[in-house]
Amino acid sequence: MGIYAGINAGIILLMGFVIWLMCRGKNNPNRSLKIWHGWQISAFQALTPSILALIIGFIMAQFASMAFVLVYSFRVMYLSMKYLRPAPADTGRK
């Protein structure tokens, strides 16, 4: 159980790093985010997937070890597509 907790904590830190990297674009309005802001976003996002993973783990015990990883990765990818999109570049044409 402790190994799964360590792996999941590592995934949360890794996804925080990924969120920070996605914000590094030249035209991205979130480019002033620091690395610890990415980790804070990642930790805040982990609450709902962890609760869903507990419920899924009680329903399907053989799927419990991978439930958090899958649900959490879906959530981070949804965030990256929906909210961390860079602003369109101003071409100067009217």
PDB file of N, CA and C in Angstrom:
ATOM      1  N   MET A   1       0.819  -1.189   0.000  1.00  0.00           N
ATOM      2  CA  MET A   1       0.000   0.000   0.000  1.00  0.00           C
ATOM      3  C   MET A   1       0.871   1.265   0.000  1.00  0.00           C
ATOM      4  N   GLY A   2       1.975   1.234   0.724  1.00  0.00           N
ATOM      5  CA  GLY A   2       2.875   2.374   0.773  1.00  0.00           C
ATOM      6  C   GLY A   2       3.561   2.626  -0.562  1.00  0.00           C
ATOM      7  N   ILE A   3       3.835   1.549  -1.289  1.00  0.00           N
ATOM      8  CA  ILE A   3       4.455   1.699  -2.599  1.00  0.00           C
ATOM      9  C   ILE A   3       3.495   2.405  -3.552  1.00  0.00           C
ATOM     10  N   TYR A   4       2.208   2.031  -3.519  1.00  0.00           N
ATOM     11  CA  TYR A   4       1.224   2.704  -4.364  1.00  0.00           C
ATOM     12  C   TYR A   4       1.097   4.178  -3.993  1.00  0.00           C
ATOM     13  N   ALA A   5       1.133   4.490  -2.706  1.00  0.00           N
ATOM     14  CA  ALA A   5       1.050   5.890  -2.274  1.00  0.00           C
ATOM     15  C   ALA A   5       2.257   6.683  -2.779  1.00  0.00           C
ATOM     16  N   GLY A   6       3.441   6.091  -2.722  1.00  0.00           N
ATOM     17  CA  GLY A   6       4.636   6.755  -3.228  1.00  0.00           C
ATOM     18  C   GLY A   6       4.593   6.963  -4.729  1.00  0.00           C
ATOM     19  N   ILE A   7       4.123   5.967  -5.448  1.00  0.00           N
ATOM     20  CA  ILE A   7       4.008   6.081  -6.902  1.00  0.00           C
ATOM     21  C   ILE A   7       2.992   7.163  -7.267  1.00  0.00           C
ATOM     22  N   ASN A   8       1.858   7.171  -6.568  1.00  0.00           N
ATOM     23  CA  ASN A   8       0.837   8.184  -6.853  1.00  0.00           C
ATOM     24  C   ASN A   8       1.326   9.585  -6.503  1.00  0.00           C
ATOM     25  N   ALA A   9       2.069   9.740  -5.424  1.00  0.00           N
ATOM     26  CA  ALA A   9       2.644  11.048  -5.083  1.00  0.00           C
ATOM     27  C   ALA A   9       3.652  11.480  -6.143  1.00  0.00           C
ATOM     28  N   GLY A  10       4.438  10.546  -6.642  1.00  0.00           N
ATOM     29  CA  GLY A  10       5.367  10.869  -7.720  1.00  0.00           C
ATOM     30  C   GLY A  10       4.648  11.283  -8.989  1.00  0.00           C
ATOM     31  N   ILE A  11       3.527  10.653  -9.284  1.00  0.00           N
ATOM     32  CA  ILE A  11       2.742  11.016 -10.460  1.00  0.00           C
ATOM     33  C   ILE A  11       2.158  12.417 -10.303  1.00  0.00           C
ATOM     34  N   ILE A  12       1.720  12.757  -9.092  1.00  0.00           N
ATOM     35  CA  ILE A  12       1.194  14.101  -8.841  1.00  0.00           C
ATOM     36  C   ILE A  12       2.290  15.142  -9.071  1.00  0.00           C
ATOM     37  N   LEU A  13       3.494  14.879  -8.577  1.00  0.00           N
ATOM     38  CA  LEU A  13       4.602  15.818  -8.803  1.00  0.00           C
ATOM     39  C   LEU A  13       4.978  15.906 -10.279  1.00  0.00           C
ATOM     40  N   LEU A  14       4.988  14.772 -10.954  1.00  0.00           N
ATOM     41  CA  LEU A  14       5.304  14.755 -12.385  1.00  0.00           C
ATOM     42  C   LEU A  14       4.269  15.529 -13.187  1.00  0.00           C
ATOM     43  N   MET A  15       3.003  15.357 -12.885  1.00  0.00           N
ATOM     44  CA  MET A  15       1.963  16.078 -13.611  1.00  0.00           C
ATOM     45  C   MET A  15       2.009  17.575 -13.302  1.00  0.00           C
ATOM     46  N   GLY A  16       2.426  17.940 -12.098  1.00  0.00           N
ATOM     47  CA  GLY A  16       2.631  19.356 -11.797  1.00  0.00           C
ATOM     48  C   GLY A  16       3.732  19.940 -12.661  1.00  0.00           C
ATOM     49  N   PHE A  17       4.781  19.170 -12.861  1.00  0.00           N
ATOM     50  CA  PHE A  17       5.862  19.594 -13.751  1.00  0.00           C
ATOM     51  C   PHE A  17       5.366  19.715 -15.184  1.00  0.00           C
ATOM     52  N   VAL A  18       4.518  18.787 -15.620  1.00  0.00           N
ATOM     53  CA  VAL A  18       3.957  18.828 -16.977  1.00  0.00           C
ATOM     54  C   VAL A  18       3.069  20.064 -17.147  1.00  0.00           C
ATOM     55  N   ILE A  19       2.268  20.379 -16.143  1.00  0.00           N
ATOM     56  CA  ILE A  19       1.434  21.577 -16.202  1.00  0.00           C
ATOM     57  C   ILE A  19       2.313  22.815 -16.322  1.00  0.00           C
ATOM     58  N   TRP A  20       3.378  22.873 -15.559  1.00  0.00           N
ATOM     59  CA  TRP A  20       4.302  24.002 -15.631  1.00  0.00           C
ATOM     60  C   TRP A  20       4.932  24.105 -17.029  1.00  0.00           C
ATOM     61  N   LEU A  21       5.315  22.967 -17.597  1.00  0.00           N
ATOM     62  CA  LEU A  21       5.901  22.975 -18.942  1.00  0.00           C
ATOM     63  C   LEU A  21       4.902  23.427 -20.004  1.00  0.00           C
ATOM     64  N   MET A  22       3.632  23.046 -19.843  1.00  0.00           N
ATOM     65  CA  MET A  22       2.625  23.446 -20.822  1.00  0.00           C
ATOM     66  C   MET A  22       2.370  24.948 -20.798  1.00  0.00           C
ATOM     67  N   CYS A  23       2.683  25.595 -19.697  1.00  0.00           N
ATOM     68  CA  CYS A  23       2.463  27.042 -19.568  1.00  0.00           C
ATOM     69  C   CYS A  23       3.654  27.864 -20.036  1.00  0.00           C
ATOM     70  N   ARG A  24       4.700  27.253 -20.539  1.00  0.00           N
ATOM     71  CA  ARG A  24       5.908  27.976 -20.898  1.00  0.00           C
ATOM     72  C   ARG A  24       5.853  28.638 -22.262  1.00  0.00           C
ATOM     73  N   GLY A  25       4.768  28.516 -22.997  1.00  0.00           N
ATOM     74  CA  GLY A  25       4.702  29.046 -24.351  1.00  0.00           C
ATOM     75  C   GLY A  25       4.792  30.561 -24.418  1.00  0.00           C
ATOM     76  N   LYS A  26       5.268  31.054 -25.523  1.00  0.00           N
ATOM     77  CA  LYS A  26       5.474  32.486 -25.702  1.00  0.00           C
ATOM     78  C   LYS A  26       4.159  33.264 -25.649  1.00  0.00           C
ATOM     79  N   ASN A  27       3.110  32.723 -26.236  1.00  0.00           N
ATOM     80  CA  ASN A  27       1.822  33.408 -26.290  1.00  0.00           C
ATOM     81  C   ASN A  27       0.858  32.964 -25.193  1.00  0.00           C
ATOM     82  N   ASN A  28       1.302  32.169 -24.259  1.00  0.00           N
ATOM     83  CA  ASN A  28       0.429  31.664 -23.215  1.00  0.00           C
ATOM     84  C   ASN A  28       0.244  32.712 -22.131  1.00  0.00           C
ATOM     85  N   PRO A  29      -1.008  33.036 -21.772  1.00  0.00           N
ATOM     86  CA  PRO A  29      -1.222  34.038 -20.723  1.00  0.00           C
ATOM     87  C   PRO A  29      -0.797  33.558 -19.336  1.00  0.00           C
ATOM     88  N   ASN A  30      -0.577  32.264 -19.162  1.00  0.00           N
ATOM     89  CA  ASN A  30      -0.171  31.704 -17.869  1.00  0.00           C
ATOM     90  C   ASN A  30       1.340  31.497 -17.768  1.00  0.00           C
ATOM     91  N   ARG A  31       2.120  32.156 -18.606  1.00  0.00           N
ATOM     92  CA  ARG A  31       3.552  31.885 -18.651  1.00  0.00           C
ATOM     93  C   ARG A  31       4.298  32.376 -17.410  1.00  0.00           C
ATOM     94  N   SER A  32       3.652  33.160 -16.556  1.00  0.00           N
ATOM     95  CA  SER A  32       4.331  33.637 -15.348  1.00  0.00           C
ATOM     96  C   SER A  32       4.223  32.642 -14.194  1.00  0.00           C
ATOM     97  N   LEU A  33       3.595  31.496 -14.405  1.00  0.00           N
ATOM     98  CA  LEU A  33       3.490  30.487 -13.356  1.00  0.00           C
ATOM     99  C   LEU A  33       4.864  29.947 -12.990  1.00  0.00           C
ATOM    100  N   LYS A  34       5.076  29.747 -11.723  1.00  0.00           N
ATOM    101  CA  LYS A  34       6.312  29.134 -11.239  1.00  0.00           C
ATOM    102  C   LYS A  34       6.085  27.637 -11.081  1.00  0.00           C
ATOM    103  N   ILE A  35       7.160  26.899 -10.841  1.00  0.00           N
ATOM    104  CA  ILE A  35       7.064  25.436 -10.735  1.00  0.00           C
ATOM    105  C   ILE A  35       6.191  25.025  -9.554  1.00  0.00           C
ATOM    106  N   TRP A  36       6.262  25.743  -8.440  1.00  0.00           N
ATOM    107  CA  TRP A  36       5.449  25.361  -7.275  1.00  0.00           C
ATOM    108  C   TRP A  36       3.971  25.656  -7.516  1.00  0.00           C
ATOM    109  N   HIS A  37       3.648  26.601  -8.407  1.00  0.00           N
ATOM    110  CA  HIS A  37       2.254  26.813  -8.775  1.00  0.00           C
ATOM    111  C   HIS A  37       1.725  25.608  -9.555  1.00  0.00           C
ATOM    112  N   GLY A  38       2.550  25.052 -10.412  1.00  0.00           N
ATOM    113  CA  GLY A  38       2.158  23.839 -11.126  1.00  0.00           C
ATOM    114  C   GLY A  38       1.919  22.687 -10.177  1.00  0.00           C
ATOM    115  N   TRP A  39       2.767  22.572  -9.151  1.00  0.00           N
ATOM    116  CA  TRP A  39       2.575  21.508  -8.158  1.00  0.00           C
ATOM    117  C   TRP A  39       1.331  21.753  -7.320  1.00  0.00           C
ATOM    118  N   GLN A  40       1.010  23.007  -7.029  1.00  0.00           N
ATOM    119  CA  GLN A  40      -0.213  23.309  -6.283  1.00  0.00           C
ATOM    120  C   GLN A  40      -1.453  22.975  -7.111  1.00  0.00           C
ATOM    121  N   ILE A  41      -1.436  23.319  -8.382  1.00  0.00           N
ATOM    122  CA  ILE A  41      -2.545  22.977  -9.268  1.00  0.00           C
ATOM    123  C   ILE A  41      -2.706  21.465  -9.344  1.00  0.00           C
ATOM    124  N   SER A  42      -1.604  20.780  -9.467  1.00  0.00           N
ATOM    125  CA  SER A  42      -1.626  19.324  -9.570  1.00  0.00           C
ATOM    126  C   SER A  42      -2.170  18.675  -8.295  1.00  0.00           C
ATOM    127  N   ALA A  43      -1.747  19.160  -7.145  1.00  0.00           N
ATOM    128  CA  ALA A  43      -2.235  18.602  -5.872  1.00  0.00           C
ATOM    129  C   ALA A  43      -3.716  18.892  -5.681  1.00  0.00           C
ATOM    130  N   PHE A  44      -4.156  20.068  -6.071  1.00  0.00           N
ATOM    131  CA  PHE A  44      -5.577  20.410  -5.944  1.00  0.00           C
ATOM    132  C   PHE A  44      -6.428  19.547  -6.866  1.00  0.00           C
ATOM    133  N   GLN A  45      -5.907  19.248  -8.037  1.00  0.00           N
ATOM    134  CA  GLN A  45      -6.635  18.408  -8.985  1.00  0.00           C
ATOM    135  C   GLN A  45      -6.711  16.955  -8.556  1.00  0.00           C
ATOM    136  N   ALA A  46      -5.876  16.525  -7.649  1.00  0.00           N
ATOM    137  CA  ALA A  46      -5.795  15.113  -7.286  1.00  0.00           C
ATOM    138  C   ALA A  46      -6.895  14.671  -6.331  1.00  0.00           C
ATOM    139  N   LEU A  47      -7.641  15.597  -5.743  1.00  0.00           N
ATOM    140  CA  LEU A  47      -8.654  15.218  -4.760  1.00  0.00           C
ATOM    141  C   LEU A  47      -9.774  14.387  -5.370  1.00  0.00           C
ATOM    142  N   THR A  48     -10.408  14.866  -6.418  1.00  0.00           N
ATOM    143  CA  THR A  48     -11.522  14.139  -7.022  1.00  0.00           C
ATOM    144  C   THR A  48     -11.095  12.804  -7.629  1.00  0.00           C
ATOM    145  N   PRO A  49      -9.982  12.718  -8.365  1.00  0.00           N
ATOM    146  CA  PRO A  49      -9.576  11.402  -8.864  1.00  0.00           C
ATOM    147  C   PRO A  49      -9.259  10.402  -7.754  1.00  0.00           C
ATOM    148  N   SER A  50      -8.756  10.886  -6.616  1.00  0.00           N
ATOM    149  CA  SER A  50      -8.469   9.950  -5.528  1.00  0.00           C
ATOM    150  C   SER A  50      -9.748   9.390  -4.923  1.00  0.00           C
ATOM    151  N   ILE A  51     -10.773  10.224  -4.794  1.00  0.00           N
ATOM    152  CA  ILE A  51     -12.064   9.735  -4.287  1.00  0.00           C
ATOM    153  C   ILE A  51     -12.694   8.767  -5.283  1.00  0.00           C
ATOM    154  N   LEU A  52     -12.630   9.103  -6.568  1.00  0.00           N
ATOM    155  CA  LEU A  52     -13.162   8.191  -7.585  1.00  0.00           C
ATOM    156  C   LEU A  52     -12.385   6.883  -7.638  1.00  0.00           C
ATOM    157  N   ALA A  53     -11.077   6.947  -7.421  1.00  0.00           N
ATOM    158  CA  ALA A  53     -10.269   5.726  -7.417  1.00  0.00           C
ATOM    159  C   ALA A  53     -10.632   4.826  -6.230  1.00  0.00           C
ATOM    160  N   LEU A  54     -10.949   5.426  -5.094  1.00  0.00           N
ATOM    161  CA  LEU A  54     -11.404   4.617  -3.956  1.00  0.00           C
ATOM    162  C   LEU A  54     -12.708   3.902  -4.268  1.00  0.00           C
ATOM    163  N   ILE A  55     -13.641   4.605  -4.879  1.00  0.00           N
ATOM    164  CA  ILE A  55     -14.925   4.001  -5.232  1.00  0.00           C
ATOM    165  C   ILE A  55     -14.733   2.907  -6.272  1.00  0.00           C
ATOM    166  N   ILE A  56     -13.936   3.180  -7.289  1.00  0.00           N
ATOM    167  CA  ILE A  56     -13.662   2.175  -8.322  1.00  0.00           C
ATOM    168  C   ILE A  56     -12.944   0.977  -7.717  1.00  0.00           C
ATOM    169  N   GLY A  57     -12.028   1.231  -6.776  1.00  0.00           N
ATOM    170  CA  GLY A  57     -11.305   0.141  -6.132  1.00  0.00           C
ATOM    171  C   GLY A  57     -12.201  -0.783  -5.319  1.00  0.00           C
ATOM    172  N   PHE A  58     -13.252  -0.220  -4.713  1.00  0.00           N
ATOM    173  CA  PHE A  58     -14.197  -1.066  -3.981  1.00  0.00           C
ATOM    174  C   PHE A  58     -15.070  -1.874  -4.923  1.00  0.00           C
ATOM    175  N   ILE A  59     -15.379  -1.320  -6.084  1.00  0.00           N
ATOM    176  CA  ILE A  59     -16.235  -2.023  -7.036  1.00  0.00           C
ATOM    177  C   ILE A  59     -15.447  -3.087  -7.802  1.00  0.00           C
ATOM    178  N   MET A  60     -14.265  -2.705  -8.318  1.00  0.00           N
ATOM    179  CA  MET A  60     -13.428  -3.631  -9.085  1.00  0.00           C
ATOM    180  C   MET A  60     -12.054  -3.689  -8.434  1.00  0.00           C
ATOM    181  N   ALA A  61     -11.836  -4.656  -7.578  1.00  0.00           N
ATOM    182  CA  ALA A  61     -10.608  -4.725  -6.784  1.00  0.00           C
ATOM    183  C   ALA A  61      -9.362  -4.949  -7.651  1.00  0.00           C
ATOM    184  N   GLN A  62      -9.471  -5.670  -8.736  1.00  0.00           N
ATOM    185  CA  GLN A  62      -8.301  -5.924  -9.573  1.00  0.00           C
ATOM    186  C   GLN A  62      -7.861  -4.682 -10.343  1.00  0.00           C
ATOM    187  N   PHE A  63      -8.709  -3.677 -10.426  1.00  0.00           N
ATOM    188  CA  PHE A  63      -8.418  -2.448 -11.143  1.00  0.00           C
ATOM    189  C   PHE A  63      -7.971  -1.320 -10.197  1.00  0.00           C
ATOM    190  N   ALA A  64      -7.929  -1.601  -8.906  1.00  0.00           N
ATOM    191  CA  ALA A  64      -7.690  -0.552  -7.906  1.00  0.00           C
ATOM    192  C   ALA A  64      -6.311   0.083  -8.032  1.00  0.00           C
ATOM    193  N   SER A  65      -5.306  -0.675  -8.396  1.00  0.00           N
ATOM    194  CA  SER A  65      -3.951  -0.128  -8.446  1.00  0.00           C
ATOM    195  C   SER A  65      -3.765   0.873  -9.593  1.00  0.00           C
ATOM    196  N   MET A  66      -4.518   0.750 -10.662  1.00  0.00           N
ATOM    197  CA  MET A  66      -4.380   1.643 -11.802  1.00  0.00           C
ATOM    198  C   MET A  66      -5.482   2.687 -11.895  1.00  0.00           C
ATOM    199  N   ALA A  67      -6.472   2.634 -11.028  1.00  0.00           N
ATOM    200  CA  ALA A  67      -7.623   3.530 -11.132  1.00  0.00           C
ATOM    201  C   ALA A  67      -7.208   4.988 -10.971  1.00  0.00           C
ATOM    202  N   PHE A  68      -6.400   5.291  -9.972  1.00  0.00           N
ATOM    203  CA  PHE A  68      -5.999   6.680  -9.743  1.00  0.00           C
ATOM    204  C   PHE A  68      -5.183   7.210 -10.915  1.00  0.00           C
ATOM    205  N   VAL A  69      -4.279   6.416 -11.407  1.00  0.00           N
ATOM    206  CA  VAL A  69      -3.416   6.858 -12.507  1.00  0.00           C
ATOM    207  C   VAL A  69      -4.247   7.207 -13.734  1.00  0.00           C
ATOM    208  N   LEU A  70      -5.199   6.379 -14.079  1.00  0.00           N
ATOM    209  CA  LEU A  70      -6.009   6.625 -15.268  1.00  0.00           C
ATOM    210  C   LEU A  70      -6.943   7.818 -15.087  1.00  0.00           C
ATOM    211  N   VAL A  71      -7.645   7.866 -13.964  1.00  0.00           N
ATOM    212  CA  VAL A  71      -8.586   8.961 -13.741  1.00  0.00           C
ATOM    213  C   VAL A  71      -7.838  10.292 -13.641  1.00  0.00           C
ATOM    214  N   TYR A  72      -6.701  10.294 -12.963  1.00  0.00           N
ATOM    215  CA  TYR A  72      -5.934  11.522 -12.799  1.00  0.00           C
ATOM    216  C   TYR A  72      -5.326  11.991 -14.127  1.00  0.00           C
ATOM    217  N   SER A  73      -4.858  11.054 -14.935  1.00  0.00           N
ATOM    218  CA  SER A  73      -4.303  11.459 -16.224  1.00  0.00           C
ATOM    219  C   SER A  73      -5.385  12.014 -17.142  1.00  0.00           C
ATOM    220  N   PHE A  74      -6.599  11.452 -17.089  1.00  0.00           N
ATOM    221  CA  PHE A  74      -7.697  12.021 -17.868  1.00  0.00           C
ATOM    222  C   PHE A  74      -7.999  13.446 -17.415  1.00  0.00           C
ATOM    223  N   ARG A  75      -7.937  13.680 -16.122  1.00  0.00           N
ATOM    224  CA  ARG A  75      -8.231  15.018 -15.606  1.00  0.00           C
ATOM    225  C   ARG A  75      -7.170  16.033 -16.034  1.00  0.00           C
ATOM    226  N   VAL A  76      -5.914  15.653 -15.973  1.00  0.00           N
ATOM    227  CA  VAL A  76      -4.850  16.575 -16.376  1.00  0.00           C
ATOM    228  C   VAL A  76      -4.910  16.842 -17.881  1.00  0.00           C
ATOM    229  N   MET A  77      -5.195  15.842 -18.677  1.00  0.00           N
ATOM    230  CA  MET A  77      -5.302  16.061 -20.115  1.00  0.00           C
ATOM    231  C   MET A  77      -6.499  16.942 -20.448  1.00  0.00           C
ATOM    232  N   TYR A  78      -7.598  16.797 -19.720  1.00  0.00           N
ATOM    233  CA  TYR A  78      -8.747  17.679 -19.921  1.00  0.00           C
ATOM    234  C   TYR A  78      -8.371  19.115 -19.575  1.00  0.00           C
ATOM    235  N   LEU A  79      -7.632  19.296 -18.493  1.00  0.00           N
ATOM    236  CA  LEU A  79      -7.192  20.631 -18.120  1.00  0.00           C
ATOM    237  C   LEU A  79      -6.308  21.231 -19.199  1.00  0.00           C
ATOM    238  N   SER A  80      -5.403  20.439 -19.730  1.00  0.00           N
ATOM    239  CA  SER A  80      -4.479  20.966 -20.733  1.00  0.00           C
ATOM    240  C   SER A  80      -5.202  21.341 -22.013  1.00  0.00           C
ATOM    241  N   MET A  81      -6.243  20.615 -22.380  1.00  0.00           N
ATOM    242  CA  MET A  81      -6.976  20.938 -23.598  1.00  0.00           C
ATOM    243  C   MET A  81      -7.928  22.106 -23.389  1.00  0.00           C
ATOM    244  N   LYS A  82      -8.498  22.211 -22.215  1.00  0.00           N
ATOM    245  CA  LYS A  82      -9.559  23.178 -21.992  1.00  0.00           C
ATOM    246  C   LYS A  82      -9.058  24.529 -21.481  1.00  0.00           C
ATOM    247  N   TYR A  83      -8.163  24.545 -20.505  1.00  0.00           N
ATOM    248  CA  TYR A  83      -7.832  25.774 -19.803  1.00  0.00           C
ATOM    249  C   TYR A  83      -6.427  26.297 -20.043  1.00  0.00           C
ATOM    250  N   LEU A  84      -5.467  25.476 -20.367  1.00  0.00           N
ATOM    251  CA  LEU A  84      -4.092  25.923 -20.521  1.00  0.00           C
ATOM    252  C   LEU A  84      -3.710  26.158 -21.975  1.00  0.00           C
ATOM    253  N   ARG A  85      -4.689  26.372 -22.794  1.00  0.00           N
ATOM    254  CA  ARG A  85      -4.466  26.632 -24.204  1.00  0.00           C
ATOM    255  C   ARG A  85      -3.805  28.000 -24.384  1.00  0.00           C
ATOM    256  N   PRO A  86      -2.816  28.126 -25.224  1.00  0.00           N
ATOM    257  CA  PRO A  86      -2.231  29.446 -25.437  1.00  0.00           C
ATOM    258  C   PRO A  86      -3.184  30.370 -26.180  1.00  0.00           C
ATOM    259  N   ALA A  87      -3.037  31.656 -25.935  1.00  0.00           N
ATOM    260  CA  ALA A  87      -3.856  32.634 -26.622  1.00  0.00           C
ATOM    261  C   ALA A  87      -3.441  32.710 -28.080  1.00  0.00           C
ATOM    262  N   PRO A  88      -4.370  32.964 -28.982  1.00  0.00           N
ATOM    263  CA  PRO A  88      -3.991  33.055 -30.395  1.00  0.00           C
ATOM    264  C   PRO A  88      -3.074  34.257 -30.619  1.00  0.00           C
ATOM    265  N   ALA A  89      -2.125  34.082 -31.489  1.00  0.00           N
ATOM    266  CA  ALA A  89      -1.166  35.136 -31.778  1.00  0.00           C
ATOM    267  C   ALA A  89      -1.854  36.247 -32.568  1.00  0.00           C
ATOM    268  N   ASP A  90      -1.512  37.461 -32.254  1.00  0.00           N
ATOM    269  CA  ASP A  90      -2.059  38.601 -32.965  1.00  0.00           C
ATOM    270  C   ASP A  90      -1.258  38.790 -34.247  1.00  0.00           C
ATOM    271  N   THR A  91      -1.933  38.575 -35.371  1.00  0.00           N
ATOM    272  CA  THR A  91      -1.244  38.675 -36.659  1.00  0.00           C
ATOM    273  C   THR A  91      -1.206  40.094 -37.191  1.00  0.00           C
ATOM    274  N   GLY A  92      -2.012  40.988 -36.624  1.00  0.00           N
ATOM    275  CA  GLY A  92      -2.011  42.364 -37.079  1.00  0.00           C
ATOM    276  C   GLY A  92      -2.931  42.616 -38.249  1.00  0.00           C
ATOM    277  N   ARG A  93      -3.565  41.585 -38.786  1.00  0.00           N
ATOM    278  CA  ARG A  93      -4.504  41.749 -39.904  1.00  0.00           C
ATOM    279  C   ARG A  93      -5.888  42.100 -39.380  1.00  0.00           C
ATOM    280  N   LYS A  94      -6.604  42.884 -40.124  1.00  0.00           N
ATOM    281  CA  LYS A  94      -7.965  43.259 -39.724  1.00  0.00           C
ATOM    282  C   LYS A  94      -8.965  42.797 -40.738  1.00  0.00           C
TER     283      LYS A  94
END
